[in-house]
Amino acid sequence: MIARILRHDWKTLRADATVWLVAGIAAAAVGLGAWNGTRWVQAQQATLTAVASEERERYAALARDIEDLTRTGRRLSPFADPRLPATFGARRGTRSAVLPPGPLAAFSIGQSDLLPSAVPVSTEARELGGAPAALENPYRLLVGRFDLAFVVIYLFPLLIIGLTYNLLSGEREDGTLALVLSQPVTVGTLVAGKVAVRLALLLALVLGTALVALAAIVSWQGAGPGLGVRVALWGLVVCAYGVLWFALGVLVVSRGAGSASTATVLAGTWLLLVVLIPALAGVAVNALYPVPSRVQMVQAIREASDSASANGSALLARYFEEHPELAGGDPAAAAGDAAAIRLAVNDAVERDVRPVVDAYERQRRRQQALIERLRYLSPAMLMQDALNDLAGTGTTRYRHFSAEVDRFHAAWRAHFTPLILGRTRLQSLEAVPMFQYREEHTLAVATRVMSSVAGLSVPAVILAWLGMRRLRRYPVTAG
C-alpha cells in the first residue's frame, strides 16, 4: 500500500505546475548561492595569492641586497639595512600569517568577510600589529551574503512549508480524502507516503545541485583535506534539517485545521525559529556579557605605547633584569641601543595592555559559551553553526587560526630578540621562521557537527511521533 501511495503522490506532484515552480526556485536558489559563494572564495584566494607573491618577491630582493651589501661592504642607513635584525624583523622582513579558505568555504561564507585571513607578523607587540580591514558596504556586513548556507537555512524551510501546509486539508476540502481513506490505508500511512515523496524531491534538488556545484569548485581549486567527510556531514545535517521541518509540518497538519490556518501557523513558526529566536539570543548574549568597547582597547594600547616610549631606557633596564641571559654581558652598553629599547617597549606594551585584552577575550568566550547553549533553541542557529564549521568559516576555526598566529609571533620574536641584543647581522634568510597553518583535525569538526545533527534529529523524532499520534483523530470531513 505504501508503494501505491508513493506512486500516486508522485504522479500528482508531477501534474502540478506549482510543484515544478517550487523545484525550479529551489534549484536556482541553490545554484545562485553556490555561485555567489564561489565568487567570494575566488576573490579571497586572489588576495591571499597576491600577499604570497609580494612576500616572495620582497624576500628575493632582500636576499640579493644582503648578498650585495656583504660582498661590497657598502653602508646603508640603519633603518634601511636589511642585515640589521631590528630593521628586518620589524619592518622589511615581516611575514604574513595566512588562513587558507576551507574545503567547503564556497558553501558558507560565514565570518570570512568580517575576520582577516592574512595577519602581518613582526617583532612589534602583537597588539600594535593587525591586518588592514577592507572597505565594505556596512549593510552587507550586517545582513551577510547570499550563499548556499542562506538558501538552506532560510529558504529550504519555506519550500517545505509550501509542500506541506495542505498535505491533508487540500484533499479534505476537495472531498476526496474520505474516498482515499475508504481503501485499506490509515491517515498516518497516507501522510508518511506524501512526506517521503516531498522530502525525497527537495533533498534530491538541494543535494544534487550542491554536488554539481561542488564538482565545479573542486575542478577549480582542488580537493582540500577531509573533503569527503565534510561533504558527507554536510548532506547529513541538511537531511536532518529537512526532516525536522517536515516533522513540524506533520504536527501542525495533525491539528485538523484548514489550509490557510495551517499555512499561517507554519509561517509564524518559521518566523519564530529562524528569525526571532536567533535575534533575541543575540540581544541576550550582548546584554548578559557585554564586550568592552574596542575604542577603549585602542585607547589603552595608545596610552601604553606612549608611556612605554617615554620611559624606554628605564624599561630596558628592567627588561635586562628580567632576562639577564640576553644582556650580552654589557647591559650599560646596550642601554642606549634604540633597537633594544624598542624590544623593551614592546614587552611593556604587551604587559600593560594584557588586562584589557584578557577582559575582551573573556567576555567573548562567555558569549560563545552562552550561544553554544542557546543554539539548541533554534534549528537555524544549529544549522548556521554546523555549516560554518564544515566550511571552515566559523568562529572555532578563526580562534584556532588566532592561536596559530600567536605561536608564530612568539617564535618570530624568539628568533630575532637574541640577534638584536647581540648586534648580529643577518648573512642569509634561510633561518627566518615561516608560517605554516596547521589545519584542525577533521575528527574535531565532525564531533561538533554531530552534536548539531543530534540537536536537530531528537526534536524531529519527537515532533513526528506527536504528529503521527494526533493523526489518529484527524477529521476526515471538513467540519
Protein backbone atom coordinates (compact mmCIF):
# COMPACT_ATOMS: atom_id res chain seq x y z
CA MET A 1 0.00 0.00 0.00
CA ILE A 2 2.82 2.44 0.85
CA ALA A 3 4.30 1.83 -2.62
CA ARG A 4 0.96 2.69 -4.22
CA ILE A 5 0.76 5.90 -2.18
CA LEU A 6 4.25 6.87 -3.26
CA ARG A 7 3.50 6.28 -6.95
CA HIS A 8 0.15 8.06 -6.79
CA ASP A 9 1.55 11.08 -4.94
CA TRP A 10 4.48 11.33 -7.33
CA LYS A 11 2.10 11.34 -10.31
CA THR A 12 0.02 14.02 -8.60
CA LEU A 13 3.06 16.17 -7.93
CA ARG A 14 4.32 15.82 -11.49
CA ALA A 15 0.98 17.07 -12.79
CA ASP A 16 1.04 20.11 -10.50
CA ALA A 17 2.71 23.14 -12.14
CA THR A 18 3.21 24.76 -8.72
CA VAL A 19 5.48 21.92 -7.64
CA TRP A 20 7.71 22.40 -10.66
CA LEU A 21 7.81 26.11 -9.95
CA VAL A 22 8.95 25.36 -6.39
CA ALA A 23 11.52 22.89 -7.73
CA GLY A 24 12.84 25.46 -10.17
CA ILE A 25 13.11 28.08 -7.47
CA ALA A 26 14.94 25.62 -5.22
CA ALA A 27 17.46 24.63 -7.89
CA ALA A 28 18.02 28.24 -8.96
CA ALA A 29 18.50 29.41 -5.35
CA VAL A 30 20.98 26.64 -4.58
CA GLY A 31 22.91 27.30 -7.77
CA LEU A 32 22.97 31.06 -7.20
CA GLY A 33 24.06 30.63 -3.59
CA ALA A 34 26.90 28.28 -4.56
CA TRP A 35 27.97 30.59 -7.40
CA ASN A 36 27.99 33.65 -5.14
CA GLY A 37 30.00 31.77 -2.51
CA THR A 38 32.46 30.62 -5.16
CA ARG A 39 32.96 34.19 -6.36
CA TRP A 40 33.76 35.29 -2.81
CA VAL A 41 36.26 32.45 -2.31
CA GLN A 42 37.90 33.30 -5.64
CA ALA A 43 38.27 36.93 -4.56
CA GLN A 44 39.67 35.86 -1.18
CA GLN A 45 42.07 33.40 -2.82
CA ALA A 46 43.25 36.09 -5.24
CA THR A 47 44.03 38.38 -2.29
CA LEU A 48 45.99 35.67 -0.48
CA THR A 49 47.85 34.81 -3.68
CA ALA A 50 48.81 38.48 -4.07
CA VAL A 51 50.04 38.55 -0.45
CA ALA A 52 52.17 35.43 -1.01
CA SER A 53 53.52 36.76 -4.31
CA GLU A 54 54.50 40.08 -2.75
CA GLU A 55 56.27 38.30 0.10
CA ARG A 56 58.24 36.03 -2.26
CA GLU A 57 59.34 38.95 -4.43
CA ARG A 58 60.28 41.03 -1.36
CA TYR A 59 62.32 38.21 0.15
CA ALA A 60 64.10 37.57 -3.15
CA ALA A 61 65.03 41.27 -3.31
CA LEU A 62 66.14 41.24 0.34
CA ALA A 63 68.35 38.19 -0.27
CA ARG A 64 70.01 39.96 -3.19
CA ASP A 65 70.53 43.12 -1.12
CA ILE A 66 72.06 41.21 1.80
CA GLU A 67 74.42 39.34 -0.52
CA ASP A 68 75.43 42.57 -2.28
CA LEU A 69 75.99 44.50 0.97
CA THR A 70 78.02 41.66 2.49
CA ARG A 71 80.20 41.36 -0.62
CA THR A 72 80.80 45.06 -1.26
CA GLY A 73 80.80 46.37 2.34
CA ARG A 74 78.52 49.21 1.28
CA ARG A 75 76.86 51.09 4.15
CA LEU A 76 73.18 51.93 4.44
CA SER A 77 71.06 53.79 6.95
CA PRO A 78 70.28 51.55 9.97
CA PHE A 79 66.61 51.97 9.13
CA ALA A 80 67.17 50.58 5.61
CA ASP A 81 69.89 47.97 6.11
CA PRO A 82 68.18 44.54 5.82
CA ARG A 83 71.11 42.88 7.59
CA LEU A 84 70.14 44.51 10.89
CA PRO A 85 67.76 42.16 12.75
CA ALA A 86 65.75 45.05 14.18
CA THR A 87 65.14 46.53 10.74
CA PHE A 88 64.43 43.17 9.15
CA GLY A 89 62.22 41.75 11.92
CA ALA A 90 60.13 44.89 12.48
CA ARG A 91 59.72 46.33 9.00
CA ARG A 92 61.39 44.98 5.89
CA GLY A 93 61.13 41.24 6.53
CA THR A 94 57.68 40.93 8.07
CA ARG A 95 55.76 37.79 7.11
CA SER A 96 52.02 37.28 6.79
CA ALA A 97 50.24 34.51 8.65
CA VAL A 98 47.65 33.31 6.14
CA LEU A 99 44.44 31.37 6.74
CA PRO A 100 43.56 29.48 3.52
CA PRO A 101 39.89 29.03 2.55
CA GLY A 102 38.30 25.89 3.97
CA PRO A 103 37.38 22.90 1.78
CA LEU A 104 33.69 23.95 1.63
CA ALA A 105 34.21 27.69 2.01
CA ALA A 106 32.07 28.40 -1.06
CA PHE A 107 29.07 26.77 0.63
CA SER A 108 29.05 29.12 3.63
CA ILE A 109 30.83 32.48 3.71
CA GLY A 110 30.19 32.75 7.44
CA GLN A 111 32.66 35.05 9.22
CA SER A 112 35.22 35.10 6.40
CA ASP A 113 34.06 38.51 5.17
CA LEU A 114 34.47 40.04 8.63
CA LEU A 115 37.63 38.47 10.06
CA PRO A 116 41.11 38.85 8.49
CA SER A 117 42.63 35.89 6.67
CA ALA A 118 46.12 37.44 6.43
CA VAL A 119 47.84 38.91 9.51
CA PRO A 120 51.29 40.58 9.28
CA VAL A 121 53.72 39.40 11.96
CA SER A 122 56.79 41.34 13.15
CA THR A 123 58.83 41.91 16.29
CA GLU A 124 56.38 44.64 17.31
CA ALA A 125 53.91 43.91 20.10
CA ARG A 126 51.05 41.73 18.88
CA GLU A 127 48.54 44.40 19.93
CA LEU A 128 50.29 47.01 17.77
CA GLY A 129 50.02 44.86 14.64
CA GLY A 130 46.99 43.82 12.65
CA ALA A 131 45.58 43.37 9.22
CA PRO A 132 44.13 46.26 7.24
CA ALA A 133 40.36 45.98 7.00
CA ALA A 134 38.86 46.04 3.54
CA LEU A 135 36.31 48.74 2.78
CA GLU A 136 32.90 47.12 2.59
CA ASN A 137 29.26 48.07 2.44
CA PRO A 138 28.09 48.20 6.13
CA TYR A 139 24.63 46.94 5.21
CA ARG A 140 26.09 43.86 3.54
CA LEU A 141 28.20 43.16 6.60
CA LEU A 142 25.05 43.43 8.73
CA VAL A 143 22.80 41.06 6.80
CA GLY A 144 25.50 38.76 5.45
CA ARG A 145 25.99 37.48 1.93
CA PHE A 146 23.68 35.32 -0.15
CA ASP A 147 25.30 31.89 -0.15
CA LEU A 148 24.27 28.25 -0.06
CA ALA A 149 24.00 28.31 3.75
CA PHE A 150 21.50 31.18 3.48
CA VAL A 151 19.43 29.16 1.00
CA VAL A 152 19.40 26.06 3.20
CA ILE A 153 18.70 27.87 6.48
CA TYR A 154 16.10 30.41 5.33
CA LEU A 155 14.58 29.27 2.05
CA PHE A 156 14.62 25.48 2.41
CA PRO A 157 12.05 25.54 5.27
CA LEU A 158 9.80 27.84 3.26
CA LEU A 159 9.85 25.39 0.36
CA ILE A 160 8.95 22.59 2.78
CA ILE A 161 6.08 24.67 4.17
CA GLY A 162 4.86 25.25 0.62
CA LEU A 163 4.67 21.48 0.05
CA THR A 164 3.27 20.60 3.48
CA TYR A 165 0.58 23.08 4.53
CA ASN A 166 -2.20 21.35 2.51
CA LEU A 167 -0.91 17.82 2.94
CA LEU A 168 -4.37 16.55 4.00
CA SER A 169 -6.54 19.64 4.14
CA GLY A 170 -6.40 20.08 0.35
CA GLU A 171 -7.91 16.66 -0.31
CA ARG A 172 -10.38 17.09 2.55
CA GLU A 173 -11.57 20.43 1.17
CA ASP A 174 -11.91 18.84 -2.29
CA GLY A 175 -13.93 15.99 -0.77
CA THR A 176 -11.53 13.24 -1.90
CA LEU A 177 -9.90 12.40 1.43
CA ALA A 178 -12.80 10.23 2.61
CA LEU A 179 -12.67 8.34 -0.68
CA VAL A 180 -8.93 7.72 -0.31
CA LEU A 181 -9.33 6.53 3.27
CA SER A 182 -12.04 4.11 2.23
CA GLN A 183 -9.17 1.99 0.98
CA PRO A 184 -7.18 -0.18 3.48
CA VAL A 185 -4.88 2.69 4.46
CA THR A 186 -4.60 4.82 7.60
CA VAL A 187 -4.17 8.57 7.78
CA GLY A 188 -0.68 8.08 9.21
CA THR A 189 0.39 5.84 6.34
CA LEU A 190 -1.03 8.30 3.81
CA VAL A 191 0.85 11.22 5.40
CA ALA A 192 4.08 9.19 5.66
CA GLY A 193 3.95 8.42 1.94
CA LYS A 194 3.25 12.00 0.97
CA VAL A 195 6.04 13.31 3.19
CA ALA A 196 8.51 10.73 1.85
CA VAL A 197 7.90 11.82 -1.76
CA ARG A 198 8.18 15.53 -0.98
CA LEU A 199 11.25 15.10 1.21
CA ALA A 200 12.99 12.99 -1.45
CA LEU A 201 12.15 15.57 -4.13
CA LEU A 202 13.52 18.55 -2.21
CA LEU A 203 16.61 16.74 -0.94
CA ALA A 204 17.38 15.49 -4.45
CA LEU A 205 17.15 19.06 -5.75
CA VAL A 206 19.21 20.65 -2.97
CA LEU A 207 21.85 17.93 -2.59
CA GLY A 208 22.06 17.23 -6.32
CA THR A 209 22.56 20.88 -7.26
CA ALA A 210 25.03 21.31 -4.41
CA LEU A 211 27.08 18.31 -5.59
CA VAL A 212 27.18 19.65 -9.14
CA ALA A 213 28.40 22.99 -7.79
CA LEU A 214 30.97 21.20 -5.60
CA ALA A 215 32.31 19.26 -8.58
CA ALA A 216 32.87 22.56 -10.42
CA ILE A 217 34.57 24.07 -7.35
CA VAL A 218 36.88 21.05 -6.88
CA SER A 219 37.88 21.17 -10.55
CA TRP A 220 38.93 24.79 -10.00
CA GLN A 221 40.66 24.73 -6.61
CA GLY A 222 41.22 21.02 -5.95
CA ALA A 223 40.06 18.88 -3.04
CA GLY A 224 41.02 20.10 0.41
CA PRO A 225 41.87 17.90 3.40
CA GLY A 226 38.95 15.84 4.68
CA LEU A 227 36.68 16.95 1.84
CA GLY A 228 34.83 13.63 1.57
CA VAL A 229 34.00 13.55 5.29
CA ARG A 230 32.87 17.18 5.25
CA VAL A 231 30.62 16.64 2.23
CA ALA A 232 29.02 13.60 3.87
CA LEU A 233 28.44 15.56 7.08
CA TRP A 234 27.05 18.48 5.08
CA GLY A 235 24.50 16.19 3.42
CA LEU A 236 23.64 14.60 6.76
CA VAL A 237 22.98 17.89 8.53
CA VAL A 238 20.86 19.17 5.60
CA CYS A 239 18.80 15.96 5.70
CA ALA A 240 18.30 16.29 9.46
CA TYR A 241 17.20 19.91 8.99
CA GLY A 242 14.71 18.93 6.28
CA VAL A 243 13.30 16.04 8.33
CA LEU A 244 12.81 18.39 11.29
CA TRP A 245 10.75 20.84 9.25
CA PHE A 246 8.66 18.09 7.70
CA ALA A 247 8.06 16.62 11.18
CA LEU A 248 6.95 20.06 12.36
CA GLY A 249 4.66 20.29 9.33
CA VAL A 250 3.08 16.92 10.15
CA LEU A 251 2.43 18.05 13.73
CA VAL A 252 0.74 21.26 12.59
CA VAL A 253 -1.25 19.43 9.93
CA SER A 254 -2.48 16.95 12.54
CA ARG A 255 -4.46 19.78 14.19
CA GLY A 256 -7.09 19.28 11.50
CA ALA A 257 -7.32 22.98 10.61
CA GLY A 258 -7.84 24.32 7.10
CA SER A 259 -5.07 25.02 4.59
CA ALA A 260 -4.97 28.77 5.26
CA SER A 261 -4.77 28.31 9.02
CA THR A 262 -2.07 25.64 8.71
CA ALA A 263 -0.01 27.83 6.38
CA THR A 264 -0.29 30.76 8.80
CA VAL A 265 0.85 28.65 11.78
CA LEU A 266 3.78 27.19 9.84
CA ALA A 267 4.86 30.62 8.58
CA GLY A 268 4.66 32.01 12.11
CA THR A 269 6.72 29.09 13.41
CA TRP A 270 9.34 29.72 10.71
CA LEU A 271 9.48 33.39 11.73
CA LEU A 272 9.90 32.42 15.38
CA LEU A 273 12.54 29.72 14.94
CA VAL A 274 14.57 31.23 12.10
CA VAL A 275 14.37 34.97 12.77
CA LEU A 276 13.09 35.92 16.22
CA ILE A 277 14.86 33.41 18.49
CA PRO A 278 18.32 33.98 16.91
CA ALA A 279 17.80 37.75 17.17
CA LEU A 280 16.68 37.53 20.80
CA ALA A 281 19.59 35.21 21.58
CA GLY A 282 21.99 37.81 20.22
CA VAL A 283 20.37 40.54 22.31
CA ALA A 284 20.51 38.36 25.43
CA VAL A 285 24.17 37.47 24.91
CA ASN A 286 25.19 41.10 24.43
CA ALA A 287 23.15 42.18 27.46
CA LEU A 288 24.50 39.49 29.81
CA TYR A 289 28.13 39.59 28.67
CA PRO A 290 28.81 42.97 27.04
CA VAL A 291 32.17 43.09 25.30
CA PRO A 292 34.35 46.06 26.33
CA SER A 293 34.41 48.82 23.76
CA ARG A 294 37.04 48.31 21.07
CA VAL A 295 37.67 52.05 21.27
CA GLN A 296 38.67 51.51 24.89
CA MET A 297 41.10 48.80 23.82
CA VAL A 298 42.66 51.00 21.13
CA GLN A 299 42.96 53.87 23.61
CA ALA A 300 44.64 51.60 26.17
CA ILE A 301 47.12 50.42 23.52
CA ARG A 302 47.96 54.01 22.57
CA GLU A 303 48.42 55.10 26.16
CA ALA A 304 50.59 52.10 26.95
CA SER A 305 52.68 52.69 23.83
CA ASP A 306 53.17 56.41 24.60
CA SER A 307 54.05 55.72 28.23
CA ALA A 308 56.47 52.94 27.35
CA SER A 309 58.18 55.02 24.65
CA ALA A 310 58.69 57.88 27.10
CA ASN A 311 60.39 55.55 29.60
CA GLY A 312 62.34 53.42 27.18
CA SER A 313 65.69 53.41 28.99
CA ALA A 314 64.15 52.50 32.34
CA LEU A 315 62.14 49.75 30.70
CA LEU A 316 65.26 48.40 29.04
CA ALA A 317 66.99 48.18 32.41
CA ARG A 318 64.03 46.31 33.81
CA TYR A 319 63.97 44.08 30.73
CA PHE A 320 67.59 43.08 31.25
CA GLU A 321 66.91 42.45 34.93
CA GLU A 322 64.16 40.01 33.93
CA HIS A 323 66.21 38.48 31.07
CA PRO A 324 69.90 38.70 32.13
CA GLU A 325 70.85 35.99 29.62
CA LEU A 326 70.05 38.45 26.81
CA ALA A 327 72.19 41.33 28.08
CA GLY A 328 75.28 40.07 26.32
CA GLY A 329 77.47 40.77 29.34
CA ASP A 330 77.29 44.54 28.92
CA PRO A 331 73.85 45.99 29.83
CA ALA A 332 75.29 49.51 30.13
CA ALA A 333 76.48 49.47 26.52
CA ALA A 334 73.15 48.15 25.34
CA ALA A 335 71.18 50.75 27.28
CA GLY A 336 71.46 53.33 24.50
CA ASP A 337 70.60 50.90 21.71
CA ALA A 338 67.36 52.08 20.07
CA ALA A 339 66.52 48.58 18.85
CA ALA A 340 66.96 47.11 22.32
CA ILE A 341 64.81 49.88 23.79
CA ARG A 342 62.11 49.07 21.23
CA LEU A 343 62.11 45.46 22.38
CA ALA A 344 61.62 46.58 25.97
CA VAL A 345 58.86 48.98 24.90
CA ASN A 346 57.03 46.17 23.06
CA ASP A 347 57.35 43.96 26.11
CA ALA A 348 55.90 46.71 28.32
CA VAL A 349 53.04 47.43 25.92
CA GLU A 350 52.04 43.77 25.87
CA ARG A 351 52.20 43.62 29.68
CA ASP A 352 50.18 46.81 30.22
CA VAL A 353 47.54 46.06 27.60
CA ARG A 354 47.12 42.42 28.59
CA PRO A 355 44.40 43.09 31.23
CA VAL A 356 42.26 44.93 28.66
CA VAL A 357 42.79 42.24 26.02
CA ASP A 358 42.08 39.48 28.55
CA ALA A 359 38.84 41.19 29.61
CA TYR A 360 37.79 41.47 25.97
CA GLU A 361 38.60 37.82 25.25
CA ARG A 362 36.99 36.65 28.49
CA GLN A 363 33.68 38.27 27.55
CA ARG A 364 33.92 36.87 24.04
CA ARG A 365 34.42 33.36 25.44
CA ARG A 366 31.45 33.82 27.77
CA GLN A 367 29.33 34.98 24.86
CA GLN A 368 30.38 31.99 22.79
CA ALA A 369 29.66 29.59 25.66
CA LEU A 370 26.16 31.04 26.11
CA ILE A 371 25.49 30.86 22.36
CA GLU A 372 26.59 27.22 22.43
CA ARG A 373 23.80 26.54 24.92
CA LEU A 374 21.14 28.77 23.35
CA ARG A 375 21.62 27.41 19.82
CA TYR A 376 19.54 24.33 20.68
CA LEU A 377 16.51 26.62 20.94
CA SER A 378 16.61 27.30 17.20
CA PRO A 379 17.29 24.84 14.35
CA ALA A 380 18.52 27.81 12.30
CA MET A 381 21.26 28.54 14.85
CA LEU A 382 22.29 24.88 14.89
CA MET A 383 22.43 24.83 11.10
CA GLN A 384 24.41 28.06 10.82
CA ASP A 385 26.95 26.80 13.33
CA ALA A 386 27.28 23.40 11.65
CA LEU A 387 27.51 24.75 8.09
CA ASN A 388 30.11 27.36 9.08
CA ASP A 389 32.11 24.71 10.90
CA LEU A 390 32.11 22.40 7.88
CA ALA A 391 33.02 25.27 5.56
CA GLY A 392 35.84 26.44 7.81
CA THR A 393 34.34 29.92 8.15
CA GLY A 394 33.10 29.74 11.74
CA THR A 395 34.46 31.26 14.92
CA THR A 396 36.07 27.99 16.05
CA ARG A 397 38.44 27.85 13.07
CA TYR A 398 39.27 31.54 13.47
CA ARG A 399 40.11 31.00 17.14
CA HIS A 400 42.38 28.16 16.06
CA PHE A 401 43.99 30.44 13.47
CA SER A 402 44.49 33.20 16.05
CA ALA A 403 46.26 30.73 18.35
CA GLU A 404 48.49 29.70 15.43
CA VAL A 405 49.33 33.36 14.78
CA ASP A 406 50.21 33.88 18.46
CA ARG A 407 52.57 30.89 18.35
CA PHE A 408 54.23 32.15 15.18
CA HIS A 409 54.59 35.66 16.64
CA ALA A 410 56.29 34.20 19.71
CA ALA A 411 58.63 32.14 17.52
CA TRP A 412 59.40 35.21 15.36
CA ARG A 413 60.36 37.34 18.36
CA ALA A 414 62.30 34.49 19.96
CA HIS A 415 64.36 34.24 16.76
CA PHE A 416 65.15 37.95 16.37
CA THR A 417 65.48 39.10 20.00
CA PRO A 418 68.90 37.45 20.63
CA LEU A 419 70.14 38.71 17.26
CA ILE A 420 69.04 42.28 18.04
CA LEU A 421 70.58 42.34 21.53
CA GLY A 422 73.73 40.59 20.31
CA ARG A 423 74.07 43.10 17.40
CA THR A 424 74.41 40.19 14.98
CA ARG A 425 73.97 40.92 11.30
CA LEU A 426 71.98 38.63 9.04
CA GLN A 427 74.05 36.74 6.48
CA SER A 428 71.19 34.80 4.85
CA LEU A 429 67.44 34.32 5.16
CA GLU A 430 67.39 30.53 5.45
CA ALA A 431 66.81 30.53 9.22
CA VAL A 432 63.99 33.13 9.19
CA PRO A 433 60.80 31.47 10.52
CA MET A 434 57.97 30.73 8.10
CA PHE A 435 54.28 30.43 8.94
CA GLN A 436 52.65 27.09 8.21
CA TYR A 437 48.97 26.85 9.09
CA ARG A 438 48.09 23.55 10.71
CA GLU A 439 44.50 22.66 9.92
CA GLU A 440 42.29 21.46 12.75
CA HIS A 441 41.73 17.70 12.67
CA THR A 442 38.61 16.65 10.77
CA LEU A 443 37.53 14.46 13.69
CA ALA A 444 37.16 17.52 15.93
CA VAL A 445 34.96 19.20 13.31
CA ALA A 446 32.90 16.03 12.87
CA THR A 447 32.33 15.77 16.63
CA ARG A 448 30.95 19.31 16.82
CA VAL A 449 28.77 18.87 13.73
CA MET A 450 27.32 15.60 15.04
CA SER A 451 26.16 17.44 18.15
CA SER A 452 24.18 19.74 15.85
CA VAL A 453 22.80 16.73 13.96
CA ALA A 454 21.65 15.28 17.28
CA GLY A 455 20.13 18.64 18.22
CA LEU A 456 18.08 18.51 15.01
CA SER A 457 17.25 14.80 14.98
CA VAL A 458 15.93 14.38 18.52
CA PRO A 459 13.26 17.14 18.19
CA ALA A 460 12.39 15.80 14.72
CA VAL A 461 11.66 12.33 16.13
CA ILE A 462 9.59 13.78 18.97
CA LEU A 463 7.59 16.06 16.66
CA ALA A 464 6.99 13.25 14.16
CA TRP A 465 5.81 10.91 16.93
CA LEU A 466 3.42 13.53 18.33
CA GLY A 467 2.11 14.34 14.85
CA MET A 468 1.51 10.74 13.87
CA ARG A 469 -0.20 10.10 17.19
CA ARG A 470 -2.58 13.03 16.71
CA LEU A 471 -3.35 11.98 13.14
CA ARG A 472 -5.35 9.05 14.54
CA ARG A 473 -8.02 11.59 15.45
CA TYR A 474 -7.81 13.59 12.23
CA PRO A 475 -11.26 14.76 10.99
CA VAL A 476 -11.80 13.20 7.59
CA THR A 477 -14.56 15.60 6.54
CA ALA A 478 -14.48 19.38 6.77
CA GLY A 479 -16.27 20.50 9.89
